[in-house]
């Protein structure tokens, strides 16, 4: 076996091959790389040499450009704006509802206690979230704040909220409120260069955990309104405030939504980042096709003449320029049944528009399918076009989209709704609205909760309702799971159902309703009739043979006669 080359031999061999312009692979000359995707000599890949940087070095220098272009796209492109709104409607919708599920076993309590505790906590939390008192700006309720936070994360990559303690604005009985901050204000102080522990306005510890956030006191774009310099109030355009991630006693001071794509990534990536180029080129193509179609629509016909200026001069016996001027001033009126008088030598040629092109629709559909894939969204949902979709394909597409929306919902529930609930619960316990003995010894047992969002919806309500009933009856699902898929609280459903049944019994219509449903249930539960084979011949009627006792009786009657 040939021994491996030494490090000196490898280095000298690599230097020699590189000087000759040959490909180097582990120090030896090869025709190409082992992986075709790593080739540097193939024409398709020779100029494709992206830098291999860290997560922050790849993102932070271009983050501002990605954000501004994403916002411009959402403002001025209908399909892009619809993609953002569709994602918000399916992930957040009218807001995420709290379903408290305290760990009663770990707390040494009963199931009944957990039910009563959860109902009381949910009632007080709902009262706080339904008013604008939870917003420091007093503009939105919690549902509106959730929608705005999620929209900011999709467009900017980051969404920031500052939990504040404002006892003087105690409008709904709580001092806890939230102030939303646009991520443009999160930056290094005085736009200082990146340091090991300070990147993108976030100060971290040696393990990468956020320690503090540097928030600029004014938006950097306010200079466009003439708002620059220092203000008497102290909120100058060049001032930053360092906000610790937590207080000394562990209360959260900053809530941030962002989605990490790589390890060590400090800031989030906008949703449109992978498809910005395709969206812009598609927009330019659409506008160009529309402009061409408008120009083509303006041209009704063309009048051609085969005569050159010399022939025209010979025909009119004078200056051809005067003839051409008079001809240009002549206007032909096009209307139904018109007869067009033409100059000598002219020929009327009808104009056939060539725009939009015949392949326009198929090309647009292909581009939009590519964009929809980049946004993790079915084409039908992006364009709201279900004209070419069957029930099976529509259900498959919506189920795939539902997985994506559910993943997004879990992320926003974990990073936004749950921290807000924990902040509120701490105050509710401290003022005595919620009873939680030894809360600070085991806060996680009390804070355990689920978050319900808008329902999945139905493609065929009858089939899917029957499927849900079958799953429950066979033990494959529960009322809680089926109600959660539709954004409902199962306990509220059965409580409301009990109220409705009791009211119908008071009015004397419950028995009538049950009698009306009984025949349908009987038909559903009855066994189907046996099906005979169509090719089988009919069986002839064969008389039954009399039994032995009947024969003996007949013989006795005959003897007696």
Protein backbone atom coordinates (compact mmCIF):
# COMPACT_ATOMS: atom_id res chain seq x y z
CA UNK A 1 0.00 0.00 0.00
CA UNK A 2 1.37 3.37 -1.00
CA UNK A 3 2.05 5.61 2.04
CA UNK A 4 0.16 8.86 2.39
CA UNK A 5 2.06 12.02 1.37
CA UNK A 6 3.51 14.20 4.07
CA UNK A 7 2.18 17.69 4.80
CA UNK A 8 5.17 19.26 3.03
CA UNK A 9 4.57 17.15 -0.08
CA UNK A 10 0.87 18.03 -0.10
CA UNK A 11 1.57 21.78 0.26
CA UNK A 12 4.18 21.82 -2.51
CA UNK A 13 2.00 19.77 -4.82
CA UNK A 14 -1.02 22.05 -4.17
CA UNK A 15 1.06 25.18 -4.84
CA UNK A 16 2.37 23.72 -8.11
CA UNK A 17 -1.07 22.73 -9.37
CA UNK A 18 -2.65 26.02 -8.36
CA UNK A 19 0.05 27.93 -10.21
CA UNK A 20 -0.71 25.92 -13.36
CA UNK A 21 -4.45 26.69 -13.04
CA UNK A 22 -5.42 23.06 -12.40
CA UNK A 23 -8.08 21.76 -10.02
CA UNK A 24 -6.76 20.75 -6.61
CA UNK A 25 -8.50 18.03 -4.56
CA UNK A 26 -6.85 17.06 -1.27
CA UNK A 27 -3.54 18.10 -2.70
CA UNK A 28 -3.71 16.07 -5.89
CA UNK A 29 -4.75 16.82 -9.46
CA UNK A 30 -8.23 15.61 -10.48
CA UNK A 31 -10.46 16.24 -13.43
CA UNK A 32 -13.38 17.40 -11.23
CA UNK A 33 -14.68 17.31 -7.67
CA UNK A 34 -16.32 14.26 -6.13
CA UNK A 35 -19.59 16.17 -5.77
CA UNK A 36 -20.85 17.68 -8.99
CA UNK A 37 -22.39 20.56 -7.04
CA UNK A 38 -18.91 21.61 -5.84
CA UNK A 39 -17.38 21.73 -9.31
CA UNK A 40 -15.49 24.88 -10.29
CA UNK A 41 -14.82 23.97 -13.91
CA UNK A 42 -18.34 23.28 -15.20
CA UNK A 43 -19.79 26.17 -17.14
CA UNK A 44 -22.99 26.27 -15.09
CA UNK A 45 -21.10 26.44 -11.79
CA UNK A 46 -17.80 28.12 -12.60
CA UNK A 47 -18.98 31.61 -11.63
CA UNK A 48 -21.08 30.46 -8.67
CA UNK A 49 -18.81 31.12 -5.72
CA UNK A 50 -20.85 32.51 -2.80
CA UNK A 51 -18.95 33.39 0.37
CA UNK A 52 -19.20 30.99 3.30
CA UNK A 53 -19.90 33.44 6.12
CA UNK A 54 -21.49 33.17 9.51
CA UNK A 55 -25.21 33.67 10.05
CA UNK A 56 -24.73 37.31 11.07
CA UNK A 57 -22.12 38.16 8.42
CA UNK A 58 -24.48 36.90 5.71
CA UNK A 59 -27.57 38.67 7.04
CA UNK A 60 -26.77 41.85 8.99
CA UNK A 61 -25.08 43.87 6.18
CA UNK A 62 -28.08 43.31 3.87
CA UNK A 63 -30.90 43.27 6.43
CA UNK A 64 -31.92 46.90 5.87
CA UNK A 65 -32.23 46.36 2.11
CA UNK A 66 -34.25 43.18 2.55
CA UNK A 67 -36.65 44.92 4.95
CA UNK A 68 -37.21 48.01 2.81
CA UNK A 69 -37.80 45.94 -0.33
CA UNK A 70 -40.18 43.61 1.50
CA UNK A 71 -42.23 46.55 2.72
CA UNK A 72 -42.32 48.12 -0.74
CA UNK A 73 -43.49 44.82 -2.21
CA UNK A 74 -46.26 44.48 0.40
CA UNK A 75 -47.39 48.06 -0.28
CA UNK A 76 -47.44 47.97 -4.07
CA UNK A 77 -47.99 44.36 -5.18
CA UNK A 78 -51.44 42.89 -4.68
CA UNK A 79 -50.39 39.24 -4.55
CA UNK A 80 -47.58 39.96 -2.07
CA UNK A 81 -49.98 41.91 0.14
CA UNK A 82 -52.49 39.06 -0.08
CA UNK A 83 -49.82 36.53 0.91
CA UNK A 84 -49.09 38.46 4.11
CA UNK A 85 -52.77 38.88 4.97
CA UNK A 86 -53.60 35.24 4.21
CA UNK A 87 -50.83 34.07 6.53
CA UNK A 88 -52.03 36.38 9.30
CA UNK A 89 -55.66 35.32 8.86
CA UNK A 90 -54.82 31.61 9.12
CA UNK A 91 -52.22 31.83 11.90
CA UNK A 92 -53.64 34.57 14.13
CA UNK A 93 -57.06 35.40 12.71
CA UNK A 94 -59.20 37.15 15.29
CA UNK A 95 -56.57 36.36 17.96
CA UNK A 96 -55.33 33.42 20.02
CA UNK A 97 -57.48 32.42 22.98
CA UNK A 98 -56.13 31.27 26.31
CA UNK A 99 -57.01 27.75 27.48
CA UNK A 100 -55.44 27.42 30.91
CA UNK A 101 -54.36 23.89 31.89
CA UNK A 102 -52.60 24.05 35.28
CA UNK A 103 -50.72 20.93 36.27
CA UNK A 104 -53.06 19.92 39.09
CA UNK A 105 -51.22 16.66 39.76
CA UNK A 106 -47.91 18.41 40.39
CA UNK A 107 -49.72 20.98 42.52
CA UNK A 108 -51.44 18.27 44.55
CA UNK A 109 -54.93 19.39 43.51
CA UNK A 110 -57.94 17.72 41.92
CA UNK A 111 -59.31 17.87 38.41
CA UNK A 112 -62.31 19.84 39.65
CA UNK A 113 -60.02 22.41 41.24
CA UNK A 114 -58.07 22.77 37.98
CA UNK A 115 -61.30 23.34 36.05
CA UNK A 116 -62.54 26.07 38.39
CA UNK A 117 -59.11 27.71 38.62
CA UNK A 118 -58.75 27.75 34.82
CA UNK A 119 -62.24 29.22 34.28
CA UNK A 120 -61.59 32.00 36.78
CA UNK A 121 -58.15 32.81 35.31
CA UNK A 122 -59.40 32.78 31.73
CA UNK A 123 -62.29 35.08 32.63
CA UNK A 124 -60.02 37.73 34.16
CA UNK A 125 -57.42 37.42 31.39
CA UNK A 126 -60.11 37.79 28.72
CA UNK A 127 -61.39 40.94 30.40
CA UNK A 128 -57.88 42.43 30.25
CA UNK A 129 -57.23 41.46 26.62
CA UNK A 130 -60.59 42.65 25.26
CA UNK A 131 -59.86 46.31 26.10
CA UNK A 132 -57.20 48.69 24.81
CA UNK A 133 -55.81 48.99 28.33
CA UNK A 134 -53.27 46.27 27.49
CA UNK A 135 -51.74 48.61 24.86
CA UNK A 136 -49.51 51.40 26.16
CA UNK A 137 -50.63 53.49 23.17
CA UNK A 138 -54.29 52.77 24.07
CA UNK A 139 -55.10 51.90 20.43
CA UNK A 140 -55.39 48.12 20.13
CA UNK A 141 -56.62 45.22 22.20
CA UNK A 142 -54.55 42.07 22.63
CA UNK A 143 -55.87 40.55 19.40
CA UNK A 144 -54.80 43.64 17.46
CA UNK A 145 -51.40 43.65 19.13
CA UNK A 146 -50.91 39.98 18.24
CA UNK A 147 -51.80 40.59 14.60
CA UNK A 148 -49.48 43.59 14.37
CA UNK A 149 -46.60 41.74 16.03
CA UNK A 150 -46.95 38.82 13.63
CA UNK A 151 -47.15 41.14 10.61
CA UNK A 152 -43.99 42.94 11.76
CA UNK A 153 -42.16 39.63 12.08
CA UNK A 154 -43.18 38.57 8.56
CA UNK A 155 -42.11 41.85 6.94
CA UNK A 156 -39.10 42.80 9.08
CA UNK A 157 -37.88 39.50 10.43
CA UNK A 158 -38.23 40.84 13.99
CA UNK A 159 -41.07 42.15 16.15
CA UNK A 160 -40.42 43.82 19.50
CA UNK A 161 -42.67 44.66 22.45
CA UNK A 162 -41.69 46.27 25.76
CA UNK A 163 -43.74 45.20 28.80
CA UNK A 164 -44.34 48.33 30.88
CA UNK A 165 -45.62 48.92 34.41
CA UNK A 166 -47.88 51.97 34.34
CA UNK A 167 -49.90 52.15 37.57
CA UNK A 168 -51.12 55.67 36.76
CA UNK A 169 -52.94 54.30 33.69
CA UNK A 170 -54.75 51.62 35.62
CA UNK A 171 -57.86 51.66 33.40
CA UNK A 172 -58.80 47.99 33.61
CA UNK A 173 -57.42 47.12 37.03
CA UNK A 174 -53.91 46.21 35.84
CA UNK A 175 -50.68 48.18 35.56
CA UNK A 176 -49.15 45.77 33.03
CA UNK A 177 -49.30 46.97 29.44
CA UNK A 178 -47.34 46.51 26.22
CA UNK A 179 -45.55 48.99 23.97
CA UNK A 180 -44.75 47.86 20.43
CA UNK A 181 -41.44 49.04 18.95
CA UNK A 182 -40.50 48.78 15.29
CA UNK A 183 -37.38 46.72 14.73
CA UNK A 184 -35.71 49.59 12.81
CA UNK A 185 -35.00 51.17 16.19
CA UNK A 186 -33.07 48.11 17.38
CA UNK A 187 -29.45 48.83 16.46
CA UNK A 188 -25.99 49.31 17.92
CA UNK A 189 -25.57 52.65 19.75
CA UNK A 190 -24.42 55.37 17.35
CA UNK A 191 -24.36 52.60 14.72
CA UNK A 192 -21.14 51.31 16.18
CA UNK A 193 -19.31 48.46 14.54
CA UNK A 194 -20.23 44.91 15.41
CA UNK A 195 -18.58 43.45 18.48
CA UNK A 196 -18.42 39.89 19.68
CA UNK A 197 -21.17 40.45 22.25
CA UNK A 198 -23.10 43.26 20.50
CA UNK A 199 -24.68 42.58 17.12
CA UNK A 200 -27.74 44.16 15.56
CA UNK A 201 -28.48 46.09 18.75
CA UNK A 202 -28.56 42.95 20.94
CA UNK A 203 -26.04 42.41 23.70
CA UNK A 204 -25.43 38.75 24.51
CA UNK A 205 -23.55 36.71 27.09
CA UNK A 206 -20.83 34.18 26.19
CA UNK A 207 -23.50 31.54 25.52
CA UNK A 208 -25.48 33.71 23.10
CA UNK A 209 -28.37 34.51 25.47
CA UNK A 210 -29.67 38.11 25.18
CA UNK A 211 -28.56 40.33 28.06
CA UNK A 212 -29.84 43.73 26.87
CA UNK A 213 -31.37 45.48 23.87
CA UNK A 214 -30.35 48.91 22.55
CA UNK A 215 -33.46 50.78 21.38
CA UNK A 216 -33.15 54.09 19.56
CA UNK A 217 -35.54 56.66 21.02
CA UNK A 218 -36.77 57.84 17.62
CA UNK A 219 -37.21 56.11 14.29
CA UNK A 220 -34.24 56.61 11.92
CA UNK A 221 -36.66 57.49 9.12
CA UNK A 222 -38.15 60.46 10.97
CA UNK A 223 -35.60 62.75 9.35
CA UNK A 224 -37.79 62.59 6.20
CA UNK A 225 -40.40 64.53 8.18
CA UNK A 226 -37.85 67.10 9.29
CA UNK A 227 -37.60 65.58 12.76
CA UNK A 228 -33.89 65.56 13.52
CA UNK A 229 -31.53 66.82 16.16
CA UNK A 230 -32.07 66.85 19.89
CA UNK A 231 -35.45 67.61 21.45
CA UNK A 232 -36.09 69.38 24.67
CA UNK A 233 -37.79 66.27 25.99
CA UNK A 234 -34.55 64.35 25.74
CA UNK A 235 -35.75 62.06 22.96
CA UNK A 236 -33.12 63.05 20.43
CA UNK A 237 -32.65 61.23 17.14
CA UNK A 238 -29.14 60.16 18.19
CA UNK A 239 -30.00 58.69 21.58
CA UNK A 240 -30.29 55.03 22.49
CA UNK A 241 -31.60 53.35 25.61
CA UNK A 242 -30.15 50.13 26.97
CA UNK A 243 -33.02 47.91 28.15
CA UNK A 244 -32.07 44.77 30.11
CA UNK A 245 -33.71 41.55 28.98
CA UNK A 246 -34.95 40.86 32.53
CA UNK A 247 -35.26 42.73 35.79
CA UNK A 248 -33.15 41.78 38.77
CA UNK A 249 -36.01 39.64 40.11
CA UNK A 250 -36.55 37.86 36.77
CA UNK A 251 -39.49 39.75 35.21
CA UNK A 252 -39.24 39.98 31.44
CA UNK A 253 -38.63 43.47 30.00
CA UNK A 254 -38.41 42.71 26.28
CA UNK A 255 -40.48 40.33 24.14
CA UNK A 256 -39.09 39.63 20.68
CA UNK A 257 -40.50 37.56 17.84
CA UNK A 258 -38.04 36.29 15.26
CA UNK A 259 -37.37 33.11 13.34
CA UNK A 260 -33.88 31.66 13.30
CA UNK A 261 -32.61 29.89 10.19
CA UNK A 262 -29.09 29.19 11.44
CA UNK A 263 -27.22 28.74 14.69
CA UNK A 264 -25.83 32.00 15.98
CA UNK A 265 -28.27 34.17 14.04
CA UNK A 266 -28.98 37.38 15.99
CA UNK A 267 -31.74 38.94 13.88
CA UNK A 268 -34.64 37.43 11.94
CA UNK A 269 -35.08 37.13 8.17
CA UNK A 270 -38.08 38.70 6.34
CA UNK A 271 -40.58 36.28 4.82
CA UNK A 272 -40.07 37.58 1.26
CA UNK A 273 -36.27 37.30 1.31
CA UNK A 274 -36.07 34.09 -0.79
CA UNK A 275 -38.55 35.31 -3.43
CA UNK A 276 -37.88 39.05 -3.70
CA UNK A 277 -36.15 38.74 -7.07
CA UNK A 278 -38.90 36.56 -8.54
CA UNK A 279 -41.62 38.88 -7.26
CA UNK A 280 -39.94 41.97 -8.73
CA UNK A 281 -39.30 40.38 -12.12
CA UNK A 282 -42.87 39.06 -12.20
CA UNK A 283 -44.20 42.54 -11.39
CA UNK A 284 -42.08 44.09 -14.16
CA UNK A 285 -43.25 41.44 -16.64
CA UNK A 286 -46.90 42.05 -15.77
CA UNK A 287 -46.58 45.81 -16.13
CA UNK A 288 -44.80 45.45 -19.46
CA UNK A 289 -47.49 43.12 -20.81
CA UNK A 290 -50.20 45.49 -19.65
CA UNK A 291 -48.51 48.49 -21.27
CA UNK A 292 -48.10 46.60 -24.53
CA UNK A 293 -51.74 45.53 -24.44
CA UNK A 294 -52.82 49.14 -23.93
CA UNK A 295 -50.67 50.34 -26.86
CA UNK A 296 -52.04 47.58 -29.08
CA UNK A 297 -55.59 48.49 -28.12
CA UNK A 298 -55.00 52.10 -29.22
CA UNK A 299 -54.11 51.07 -32.79
CA UNK A 300 -57.18 50.22 -34.87
CA UNK A 301 -55.64 49.88 -38.35
CA UNK A 302 -52.65 50.84 -40.48
CA UNK A 303 -52.69 52.59 -43.88
CA UNK A 304 -49.75 51.52 -46.05
CA UNK A 305 -48.41 53.10 -49.23
CA UNK A 306 -45.82 51.48 -51.52
CA UNK A 307 -44.78 54.82 -53.07
CA UNK A 308 -41.50 56.55 -52.26
CA UNK A 309 -41.15 60.41 -52.28
CA UNK A 310 -39.92 60.42 -55.90
CA UNK A 311 -42.96 58.50 -57.11
CA UNK A 312 -45.27 60.78 -55.12
CA UNK A 313 -43.61 63.90 -56.67
CA UNK A 314 -44.01 62.48 -60.14
CA UNK A 315 -47.69 61.64 -59.43
CA UNK A 316 -48.69 65.02 -57.97
CA UNK A 317 -46.36 67.00 -60.22
CA UNK A 318 -45.02 69.15 -57.40
CA UNK A 319 -43.51 69.18 -53.94
CA UNK A 320 -44.18 65.83 -52.23
CA UNK A 321 -43.84 67.36 -48.74
CA UNK A 322 -47.07 69.33 -49.15
CA UNK A 323 -48.87 66.17 -50.24
CA UNK A 324 -47.57 64.24 -47.21
CA UNK A 325 -48.55 67.09 -44.84
CA UNK A 326 -52.10 67.19 -46.17
CA UNK A 327 -52.30 63.44 -45.95
CA UNK A 328 -51.19 63.41 -42.31
CA UNK A 329 -53.83 65.96 -41.41
CA UNK A 330 -56.55 63.80 -42.91
CA UNK A 331 -58.38 61.79 -40.25
CA UNK A 332 -60.29 58.62 -41.05
CA UNK A 333 -63.32 58.09 -38.81
CA UNK A 334 -63.86 54.44 -38.01
CA UNK A 335 -67.46 53.43 -37.27
CA UNK A 336 -69.92 50.68 -38.12
CA UNK A 337 -70.46 50.19 -41.87
CA UNK A 338 -68.02 52.99 -42.77
CA UNK A 339 -66.51 53.24 -46.29
CA UNK A 340 -62.95 54.57 -46.06
CA UNK A 341 -61.72 56.88 -48.86
CA UNK A 342 -57.95 56.48 -49.31
CA UNK A 343 -55.34 58.51 -51.16
CA UNK A 344 -54.04 57.14 -54.46
CA UNK A 345 -51.69 54.23 -53.91
CA UNK A 346 -52.76 53.67 -50.26
CA UNK A 347 -53.81 50.32 -48.87
CA UNK A 348 -55.89 49.74 -45.73
CA UNK A 349 -54.32 47.07 -43.47
CA UNK A 350 -56.18 45.83 -40.40
CA UNK A 351 -54.17 45.53 -37.17
CA UNK A 352 -54.14 42.28 -35.17
CA UNK A 353 -52.90 42.78 -31.56
CA UNK A 354 -50.27 40.29 -30.38
CA UNK A 355 -50.56 41.08 -26.66
CA UNK A 356 -51.05 39.57 -24.26
CA UNK A 357 -49.05 36.66 -25.60
CA UNK A 358 -50.71 33.29 -26.01
CA UNK A 359 -48.47 31.74 -23.34
CA UNK A 360 -49.06 34.58 -20.86
CA UNK A 361 -51.47 32.69 -18.57
CA UNK A 362 -49.41 29.50 -18.35
CA UNK A 363 -46.20 31.46 -17.75
CA UNK A 364 -47.78 33.57 -15.00
CA UNK A 365 -49.17 30.46 -13.34
CA UNK A 366 -45.74 28.79 -13.39
CA UNK A 367 -44.05 31.83 -11.83
CA UNK A 368 -46.72 32.13 -9.15
CA UNK A 369 -46.40 28.44 -8.30
CA UNK A 370 -42.68 28.95 -7.79
CA UNK A 371 -43.32 31.97 -5.55
CA UNK A 372 -46.00 30.11 -3.59
CA UNK A 373 -43.57 27.27 -2.92
CA UNK A 374 -41.02 29.76 -1.60
CA UNK A 375 -43.66 31.15 0.76
CA UNK A 376 -44.69 27.63 1.95
CA UNK A 377 -48.18 28.26 0.66
CA UNK A 378 -50.30 26.39 -1.95
CA UNK A 379 -50.77 28.16 -5.26
CA UNK A 380 -54.55 28.07 -4.82
CA UNK A 381 -54.32 29.84 -1.47
CA UNK A 382 -51.86 32.46 -2.74
CA UNK A 383 -53.94 33.42 -5.79
CA UNK A 384 -57.39 32.52 -4.36
CA UNK A 385 -57.94 30.54 -7.56
CA UNK A 386 -59.64 27.16 -6.99
CA UNK A 387 -61.10 26.90 -10.50
CA UNK A 388 -58.73 24.07 -11.51
CA UNK A 389 -58.94 22.18 -8.23
CA UNK A 390 -60.81 19.03 -7.33
CA UNK A 391 -62.02 18.18 -3.84
CA UNK A 392 -59.13 15.77 -3.24
CA UNK A 393 -56.43 18.13 -4.48
CA UNK A 394 -57.92 21.11 -2.63
CA UNK A 395 -58.05 19.15 0.61
CA UNK A 396 -54.46 17.93 0.17
CA UNK A 397 -53.24 21.48 -0.52
CA UNK A 398 -55.10 22.95 2.45
CA UNK A 399 -53.88 20.20 4.79
CA UNK A 400 -50.30 20.94 3.75
CA UNK A 401 -50.88 24.65 4.33
CA UNK A 402 -52.49 23.89 7.67
CA UNK A 403 -49.31 22.17 8.90
CA UNK A 404 -47.33 25.28 8.05
CA UNK A 405 -49.85 27.58 9.72
CA UNK A 406 -49.96 25.39 12.83
CA UNK A 407 -46.17 25.52 13.13
CA UNK A 408 -46.27 29.30 12.86
CA UNK A 409 -49.07 29.47 15.43
CA UNK A 410 -47.16 27.38 17.94
CA UNK A 411 -44.13 29.64 17.49
CA UNK A 412 -46.05 32.86 18.09
CA UNK A 413 -47.93 31.30 21.02
CA UNK A 414 -44.66 30.27 22.65
CA UNK A 415 -42.72 33.48 21.97
CA UNK A 416 -45.51 36.08 22.38
CA UNK A 417 -48.77 34.93 23.95
CA UNK A 418 -47.27 32.81 26.71
CA UNK A 419 -44.81 35.49 27.95
CA UNK A 420 -47.62 38.06 28.02
CA UNK A 421 -49.84 35.66 29.95
CA UNK A 422 -47.07 35.01 32.48
CA UNK A 423 -46.55 38.75 33.03
CA UNK A 424 -50.29 39.29 33.52
CA UNK A 425 -50.69 36.25 35.77
CA UNK A 426 -47.97 37.47 38.12
CA UNK A 427 -49.83 40.75 38.63
CA UNK A 428 -53.24 39.02 38.90
CA UNK A 429 -51.89 36.83 41.68
CA UNK A 430 -50.25 39.76 43.46
CA UNK A 431 -53.50 41.77 43.58
CA UNK A 432 -55.55 38.76 44.70
CA UNK A 433 -57.68 38.08 41.61
CA UNK A 434 -56.15 34.62 41.18
CA UNK A 435 -55.34 32.32 44.08
CA UNK A 436 -52.02 30.52 43.58
CA UNK A 437 -50.36 29.28 46.79
CA UNK A 438 -46.55 29.07 46.60
CA UNK A 439 -46.60 30.50 43.08
CA UNK A 440 -42.93 31.53 43.00
CA UNK A 441 -41.81 28.05 44.08
CA UNK A 442 -43.34 26.41 41.01
CA UNK A 443 -44.62 29.06 38.56
CA UNK A 444 -44.50 26.71 35.59
CA UNK A 445 -47.20 24.47 37.06
CA UNK A 446 -49.61 27.41 37.18
CA UNK A 447 -48.53 28.95 33.85
CA UNK A 448 -49.19 25.85 31.76
CA UNK A 449 -51.67 26.71 28.99
CA UNK A 450 -52.80 26.07 25.42
CA UNK A 451 -53.60 28.71 22.81
CA UNK A 452 -56.51 28.29 20.42
CA UNK A 453 -56.56 30.07 17.07
CA UNK A 454 -58.98 30.27 14.15
CA UNK A 455 -60.42 27.02 12.86
CA UNK A 456 -59.05 24.99 9.97
CA UNK A 457 -62.25 25.30 8.00
CA UNK A 458 -63.99 22.66 5.89
CA UNK A 459 -63.85 21.87 2.21
CA UNK A 460 -66.88 19.56 2.43
CA UNK A 461 -68.67 20.17 5.77
CA UNK A 462 -70.83 17.02 5.60
CA UNK A 463 -67.98 14.59 4.92
CA UNK A 464 -65.65 16.14 7.47
CA UNK A 465 -68.34 16.32 10.16
CA UNK A 466 -69.09 12.64 9.61
CA UNK A 467 -65.38 11.84 9.78
CA UNK A 468 -65.08 13.71 13.07
CA UNK A 469 -68.05 11.81 14.50
CA UNK A 470 -66.51 8.47 13.44
CA UNK A 471 -63.15 9.37 15.02
CA UNK A 472 -64.81 10.27 18.33
CA UNK A 473 -67.06 7.19 18.39
CA UNK A 474 -64.14 4.85 17.69
CA UNK A 475 -61.85 6.46 20.23
CA UNK A 476 -59.35 7.88 17.70
CA UNK A 477 -60.06 11.47 18.77
CA UNK A 478 -61.77 13.52 21.46
CA UNK A 479 -64.14 16.45 21.61
CA UNK A 480 -61.27 18.60 22.83
CA UNK A 481 -59.14 17.79 19.77
CA UNK A 482 -62.00 18.19 17.28
CA UNK A 483 -63.12 21.51 18.79
CA UNK A 484 -59.53 22.79 18.85
CA UNK A 485 -59.25 22.19 15.10
CA UNK A 486 -62.16 24.58 14.65
CA UNK A 487 -60.82 27.13 17.11
CA UNK A 488 -63.37 26.26 19.82
CA UNK A 489 -63.11 25.46 23.51
CA UNK A 490 -64.75 22.09 24.08
CA UNK A 491 -65.83 22.90 27.63
CA UNK A 492 -67.57 26.07 26.47
CA UNK A 493 -69.26 24.04 23.74
CA UNK A 494 -70.73 21.41 26.05
CA UNK A 495 -71.73 24.01 28.62
CA UNK A 496 -73.55 25.98 25.94
CA UNK A 497 -75.07 22.76 24.62
CA UNK A 498 -76.39 21.93 28.09
CA UNK A 499 -78.00 25.38 28.29
CA UNK A 500 -79.65 24.90 24.89
CA UNK A 501 -80.99 21.43 25.76
CA UNK A 502 -82.37 22.69 29.05
CA UNK A 503 -84.11 25.57 27.30
CA UNK A 504 -85.61 23.25 24.66
CA UNK A 505 -86.96 20.99 27.40
CA UNK A 506 -88.55 23.98 29.10
CA UNK A 507 -90.30 24.88 25.84
CA UNK A 508 -91.41 21.27 25.28
CA UNK A 509 -89.67 20.82 21.94
CA UNK A 510 -86.88 18.46 23.02
CA UNK A 511 -89.01 15.28 22.69
CA UNK A 512 -90.26 16.38 19.27
CA UNK A 513 -86.71 16.97 18.15
CA UNK A 514 -85.62 13.53 19.34
CA UNK A 515 -88.55 11.91 17.52
CA UNK A 516 -87.57 13.71 14.32
CA UNK A 517 -83.98 12.49 14.65
CA UNK A 518 -84.93 8.91 15.55
CA UNK A 519 -85.95 7.76 12.00
CA UNK A 520 -82.76 9.15 10.53
CA UNK A 521 -80.67 7.39 13.16
CA UNK A 522 -82.61 4.16 12.62
CA UNK A 523 -81.93 4.29 8.90
CA UNK A 524 -78.27 5.01 9.54
CA UNK A 525 -77.88 2.17 12.05
CA UNK A 526 -79.92 -0.44 10.13
CA UNK A 527 -77.98 -3.09 8.23
CA UNK A 528 -77.99 -2.79 4.44
CA UNK A 529 -80.12 -5.24 2.44
CA UNK A 530 -78.20 -8.10 0.76
CA UNK A 531 -77.35 -7.45 -2.83
CA UNK A 532 -78.06 -10.24 -5.32
CA UNK A 533 -75.76 -10.94 -8.17
CA UNK A 534 -77.25 -9.44 -11.37
CA UNK A 535 -76.08 -12.37 -13.51
CA UNK A 536 -77.61 -15.06 -11.25
CA UNK A 537 -80.80 -16.65 -12.75
CA UNK A 538 -83.99 -16.40 -10.70
CA UNK A 539 -84.66 -19.36 -8.48
CA UNK A 540 -87.94 -21.31 -9.26
CA UNK A 541 -90.54 -21.62 -6.54
CA UNK A 542 -90.28 -25.09 -4.99
CA UNK A 543 -93.27 -26.19 -2.85
CA UNK A 544 -92.42 -27.21 0.64
CA UNK A 545 -92.83 -30.86 1.55
CA UNK A 546 -95.52 -31.50 4.23
CA UNK A 547 -94.30 -32.57 7.58
CA UNK A 548 -94.81 -36.14 8.83
CA UNK A 549 -97.43 -35.13 11.44
CA UNK A 550 -99.58 -33.43 8.81
CA UNK A 551 -99.49 -36.59 6.65
CA UNK A 552 -100.62 -38.78 9.58
CA UNK A 553 -103.52 -36.44 10.36
CA UNK A 554 -104.69 -36.60 6.76
CA UNK A 555 -104.64 -40.43 6.80
CA UNK A 556 -106.71 -40.54 10.02
CA UNK A 557 -109.32 -38.20 8.52
CA UNK A 558 -109.61 -40.41 5.45
CA UNK A 559 -110.18 -43.57 7.55
CA UNK A 560 -112.85 -41.81 9.59
CA UNK A 561 -114.70 -40.80 6.44
